[in-house]
Amino acid sequence: MAGGLPHPVLLSTFMGMDEIAIGGTMVEFKHVFYSWVCMAILFTVALIMRRRLTMVPGGLQNFFEALVDTIENFILATMGDHGRKFVGLLAGMFIYIFGMNLMGLVPGFDAPTANLNTTVCMAVFVLVFYNAVGLIRWKAHYIHHFTGPSKVLIPLMFPLEVVSHLSRPVSLSLRLFGNIRGEEIVMVLFFVMAPILGTLPIYALFLLGKTMQAFVFFMLTMFYIKGALEAPEH
């Protein structure tokens, strides 16, 4: 107890992990909790698979090997050999986002990606990461990605490129959040109006939508990294 309030962990437990008290202020925590649940599930599955690896895969190992192999082939076909070092990041990002999206289909759970805080954090990470990749690859010459092909156009191109790059996390975060949040709202409405007949068909449609949203986020991230690795225009 501190100042008459229970410990934040206990408080969040009693409130269904919806909010926690930080400095006396109630802060929404539900999306963080379900993000941790998704990570815990993925880590558990990975540890189980690691302990049961076989030369002749079957079941879960076969599924994930096929999934990662497909993603790797897609990345290499798009980025070339430079993309090989980013397969782990991009595949992990796709699986993680897809897992969070799927949590919205589980009764009693919420999709963390239906919260703008989750999608903004991932989008900002993408912005910082691909620019860091470009700086590491091209050093000071990376600035030419923002200046255009002609020195005459620098006063025009530089602010336009800066705005363009800053708009990318906005687009990434709002697209993923908006689509997943919209699906969650529609699903609730269908469940209220027709608990079984209205919900079961919509599950298949939303499963496709959640898969596509994870793929779009993954694909745009890949294109941003690919652009940062390309030779800057002088």
Protein backbone atom coordinates (compact mmCIF):
# COMPACT_ATOMS: atom_id res chain seq x y z
CA MET A 1 0.00 0.00 0.00
CA ALA A 2 1.24 3.50 -0.85
CA GLY A 3 -0.85 6.56 -0.08
CA GLY A 4 -3.92 4.40 0.48
CA LEU A 5 -3.69 2.75 -2.97
CA PRO A 6 -2.88 -0.94 -3.55
CA HIS A 7 0.21 -1.98 -5.45
CA PRO A 8 -0.21 -1.27 -9.22
CA VAL A 9 0.06 -4.96 -10.09
CA LEU A 10 -2.67 -5.87 -7.60
CA LEU A 11 -4.79 -2.96 -8.72
CA SER A 12 -4.49 -3.94 -12.38
CA THR A 13 -5.43 -7.51 -11.49
CA PHE A 14 -8.59 -6.42 -9.69
CA MET A 15 -9.57 -4.15 -12.60
CA GLY A 16 -9.12 -6.82 -15.25
CA MET A 17 -5.78 -5.43 -16.40
CA ASP A 18 -7.60 -2.45 -17.95
CA GLU A 19 -5.76 0.26 -16.01
CA ILE A 20 -2.89 0.69 -13.57
CA ALA A 21 -2.01 3.52 -11.23
CA ILE A 22 1.23 5.35 -12.04
CA GLY A 23 2.03 8.28 -9.79
CA GLY A 24 -1.60 8.42 -8.68
CA THR A 25 -2.84 8.63 -12.28
CA MET A 26 -4.84 5.84 -13.89
CA VAL A 27 -3.21 4.74 -17.15
CA GLU A 28 -4.73 2.37 -19.70
CA PHE A 29 -2.85 -0.90 -19.54
CA LYS A 30 -5.01 -3.44 -21.36
CA HIS A 31 -3.17 -3.26 -24.69
CA VAL A 32 0.19 -3.69 -22.92
CA PHE A 33 -1.08 -6.71 -21.00
CA TYR A 34 -2.36 -8.45 -24.13
CA SER A 35 0.88 -7.62 -25.96
CA TRP A 36 2.72 -9.43 -23.15
CA VAL A 37 0.30 -12.35 -23.45
CA CYS A 38 1.02 -12.57 -27.18
CA MET A 39 4.78 -12.45 -26.56
CA ALA A 40 4.50 -15.10 -23.85
CA ILE A 41 2.59 -17.40 -26.20
CA LEU A 42 5.11 -16.92 -29.02
CA PHE A 43 8.10 -17.45 -26.71
CA THR A 44 6.50 -20.58 -25.28
CA VAL A 45 5.82 -22.00 -28.73
CA ALA A 46 9.39 -21.18 -29.82
CA LEU A 47 10.89 -22.90 -26.76
CA ILE A 48 8.73 -25.98 -27.28
CA MET A 49 9.70 -26.16 -30.94
CA ARG A 50 13.38 -25.69 -30.10
CA ARG A 51 13.33 -28.65 -27.72
CA ARG A 52 11.53 -30.84 -30.24
CA LEU A 53 13.40 -30.00 -33.45
CA THR A 54 13.69 -32.98 -35.80
CA MET A 55 15.21 -33.58 -39.22
CA VAL A 56 11.78 -34.59 -40.51
CA PRO A 57 9.50 -31.77 -39.35
CA GLY A 58 5.90 -32.34 -38.57
CA GLY A 59 2.98 -30.43 -37.16
CA LEU A 60 3.93 -27.11 -35.60
CA GLN A 61 7.56 -27.22 -36.75
CA ASN A 62 6.47 -27.91 -40.31
CA PHE A 63 4.03 -24.97 -40.23
CA PHE A 64 6.55 -22.43 -38.96
CA GLU A 65 9.33 -23.67 -41.24
CA ALA A 66 7.02 -23.28 -44.23
CA LEU A 67 5.92 -19.84 -43.03
CA VAL A 68 9.44 -18.51 -42.42
CA ASP A 69 10.73 -20.08 -45.64
CA THR A 70 7.95 -18.36 -47.61
CA ILE A 71 8.70 -15.02 -45.97
CA GLU A 72 12.43 -15.45 -46.59
CA ASN A 73 11.92 -16.23 -50.28
CA PHE A 74 9.65 -13.20 -50.63
CA ILE A 75 12.21 -10.92 -48.96
CA LEU A 76 15.11 -12.22 -51.06
CA ALA A 77 13.08 -11.88 -54.25
CA THR A 78 12.35 -8.25 -53.35
CA MET A 79 15.56 -7.08 -51.69
CA GLY A 80 18.14 -9.48 -53.07
CA ASP A 81 20.92 -10.89 -50.91
CA HIS A 82 20.94 -7.71 -48.79
CA GLY A 83 17.60 -8.79 -47.38
CA ARG A 84 18.94 -12.00 -45.86
CA LYS A 85 20.16 -10.26 -42.69
CA PHE A 86 16.70 -8.76 -42.14
CA VAL A 87 14.70 -11.99 -42.47
CA GLY A 88 14.62 -12.58 -38.71
CA LEU A 89 13.37 -9.07 -37.96
CA LEU A 90 10.76 -8.96 -40.72
CA ALA A 91 9.49 -12.50 -40.14
CA GLY A 92 9.32 -11.87 -36.40
CA MET A 93 7.45 -8.61 -36.99
CA PHE A 94 4.90 -10.30 -39.24
CA ILE A 95 4.29 -13.18 -36.82
CA TYR A 96 4.06 -10.84 -33.81
CA ILE A 97 1.60 -8.44 -35.46
CA PHE A 98 -0.42 -11.34 -36.83
CA GLY A 99 -0.54 -12.90 -33.37
CA MET A 100 -1.73 -9.65 -31.79
CA ASN A 101 -4.35 -9.24 -34.51
CA LEU A 102 -5.66 -12.76 -33.90
CA MET A 103 -6.16 -12.08 -30.20
CA GLY A 104 -9.15 -9.96 -31.14
CA LEU A 105 -10.89 -13.10 -32.41
CA VAL A 106 -10.56 -14.85 -29.04
CA PRO A 107 -13.59 -14.28 -26.77
CA GLY A 108 -12.60 -12.25 -23.72
CA PHE A 109 -9.40 -10.97 -25.34
CA ASP A 110 -8.59 -7.72 -27.14
CA ALA A 111 -6.24 -7.13 -30.05
CA PRO A 112 -3.36 -4.90 -28.85
CA THR A 113 -3.15 -3.50 -32.37
CA ALA A 114 -6.65 -2.06 -31.90
CA ASN A 115 -4.96 0.48 -29.62
CA LEU A 116 -3.12 3.38 -31.23
CA ASN A 117 -0.33 3.29 -28.63
CA THR A 118 0.74 -0.17 -29.85
CA THR A 119 0.78 0.68 -33.54
CA VAL A 120 2.51 4.03 -33.03
CA CYS A 121 5.33 2.39 -31.04
CA MET A 122 5.93 -0.17 -33.80
CA ALA A 123 5.75 2.48 -36.53
CA VAL A 124 8.25 4.74 -34.74
CA PHE A 125 10.58 1.76 -34.33
CA VAL A 126 10.39 1.15 -38.10
CA LEU A 127 11.19 4.82 -38.81
CA VAL A 128 14.24 4.81 -36.52
CA PHE A 129 15.42 1.39 -37.69
CA TYR A 130 15.45 1.90 -41.46
CA ASN A 131 17.09 5.32 -41.13
CA ALA A 132 19.73 3.78 -38.85
CA VAL A 133 20.29 1.08 -41.48
CA GLY A 134 20.75 3.75 -44.13
CA LEU A 135 23.18 5.74 -41.97
CA ILE A 136 25.24 2.63 -41.19
CA ARG A 137 25.32 1.65 -44.86
CA TRP A 138 26.04 5.07 -46.42
CA LYS A 139 27.36 7.15 -43.51
CA ALA A 140 27.15 10.89 -44.30
CA HIS A 141 26.14 10.16 -47.92
CA TYR A 142 22.74 9.01 -46.64
CA ILE A 143 21.71 12.66 -46.60
CA HIS A 144 21.46 12.45 -50.39
CA HIS A 145 18.30 10.36 -49.96
CA PHE A 146 16.68 13.61 -48.85
CA THR A 147 18.24 16.11 -51.26
CA GLY A 148 17.20 14.77 -54.66
CA PRO A 149 19.25 14.37 -57.85
CA SER A 150 20.07 18.06 -58.33
CA LYS A 151 21.62 20.62 -55.99
CA VAL A 152 19.25 23.24 -57.40
CA LEU A 153 16.28 21.27 -56.07
CA ILE A 154 17.65 20.80 -52.54
CA PRO A 155 15.61 23.67 -50.97
CA LEU A 156 12.47 22.08 -52.38
CA MET A 157 13.27 18.38 -52.08
CA PHE A 158 14.74 18.32 -48.58
CA PRO A 159 11.64 19.53 -46.68
CA LEU A 160 9.40 17.40 -48.91
CA GLU A 161 11.47 14.27 -48.21
CA VAL A 162 11.55 14.97 -44.48
CA VAL A 163 7.76 15.33 -44.41
CA SER A 164 7.43 12.20 -46.54
CA HIS A 165 9.54 10.14 -44.14
CA LEU A 166 7.78 11.51 -41.06
CA SER A 167 4.41 10.66 -42.60
CA ARG A 168 5.37 6.99 -42.93
CA PRO A 169 4.92 6.09 -39.24
CA VAL A 170 1.66 8.04 -39.24
CA SER A 171 0.41 6.00 -42.20
CA LEU A 172 1.68 2.70 -40.78
CA SER A 173 0.16 3.22 -37.35
CA LEU A 174 -3.19 4.64 -38.43
CA ARG A 175 -3.73 2.01 -41.14
CA LEU A 176 -3.14 -0.92 -38.81
CA PHE A 177 -5.02 0.65 -35.89
CA GLY A 178 -7.97 1.80 -37.98
CA ASN A 179 -8.55 -1.52 -39.70
CA ILE A 180 -8.18 -3.68 -36.59
CA ARG A 181 -10.22 -1.31 -34.43
CA GLY A 182 -12.95 -1.18 -37.04
CA GLU A 183 -13.09 -4.96 -37.24
CA GLU A 184 -13.35 -5.19 -33.44
CA ILE A 185 -16.30 -2.79 -33.39
CA VAL A 186 -18.11 -4.58 -36.22
CA MET A 187 -17.56 -7.95 -34.55
CA VAL A 188 -19.06 -6.70 -31.29
CA LEU A 189 -22.10 -5.38 -33.16
CA PHE A 190 -22.58 -8.67 -34.99
CA PHE A 191 -22.18 -10.62 -31.77
CA VAL A 192 -24.85 -8.50 -30.04
CA MET A 193 -27.31 -8.77 -32.93
CA ALA A 194 -26.73 -12.44 -33.84
CA PRO A 195 -24.43 -14.20 -31.33
CA ILE A 196 -23.75 -17.31 -33.45
CA LEU A 197 -25.00 -16.96 -37.01
CA GLY A 198 -23.74 -13.40 -37.30
CA THR A 199 -20.34 -14.06 -35.75
CA LEU A 200 -19.09 -17.31 -37.29
CA PRO A 201 -19.14 -16.15 -40.95
CA ILE A 202 -17.53 -12.84 -40.01
CA TYR A 203 -14.68 -14.68 -38.28
CA ALA A 204 -13.43 -16.04 -41.61
CA LEU A 205 -13.62 -12.61 -43.24
CA PHE A 206 -11.83 -10.89 -40.38
CA LEU A 207 -9.18 -13.61 -40.27
CA LEU A 208 -8.31 -12.69 -43.85
CA GLY A 209 -8.35 -8.99 -42.99
CA LYS A 210 -6.07 -9.42 -39.97
CA THR A 211 -3.65 -11.46 -42.06
CA MET A 212 -3.57 -8.79 -44.76
CA GLN A 213 -2.95 -6.00 -42.26
CA ALA A 214 0.03 -7.84 -40.78
CA PHE A 215 1.34 -8.47 -44.29
CA VAL A 216 0.94 -4.82 -45.32
CA PHE A 217 2.88 -3.62 -42.27
CA PHE A 218 5.59 -6.20 -42.95
CA MET A 219 5.77 -5.35 -46.65
CA LEU A 220 5.99 -1.58 -46.17
CA THR A 221 8.72 -2.04 -43.56
CA MET A 222 10.64 -4.17 -46.03
CA PHE A 223 10.30 -1.52 -48.75
CA TYR A 224 11.50 1.22 -46.39
CA ILE A 225 14.60 -0.81 -45.48
CA LYS A 226 15.20 -1.59 -49.15
CA GLY A 227 15.00 2.12 -49.99
CA ALA A 228 17.48 3.00 -47.26
CA LEU A 229 19.96 0.46 -48.66
CA GLU A 230 19.74 1.75 -52.22
CA ALA A 231 22.49 4.03 -53.47
CA PRO A 232 21.63 7.68 -52.74
CA GLU A 233 21.23 10.06 -55.65
CA HIS A 234 23.91 12.70 -56.00
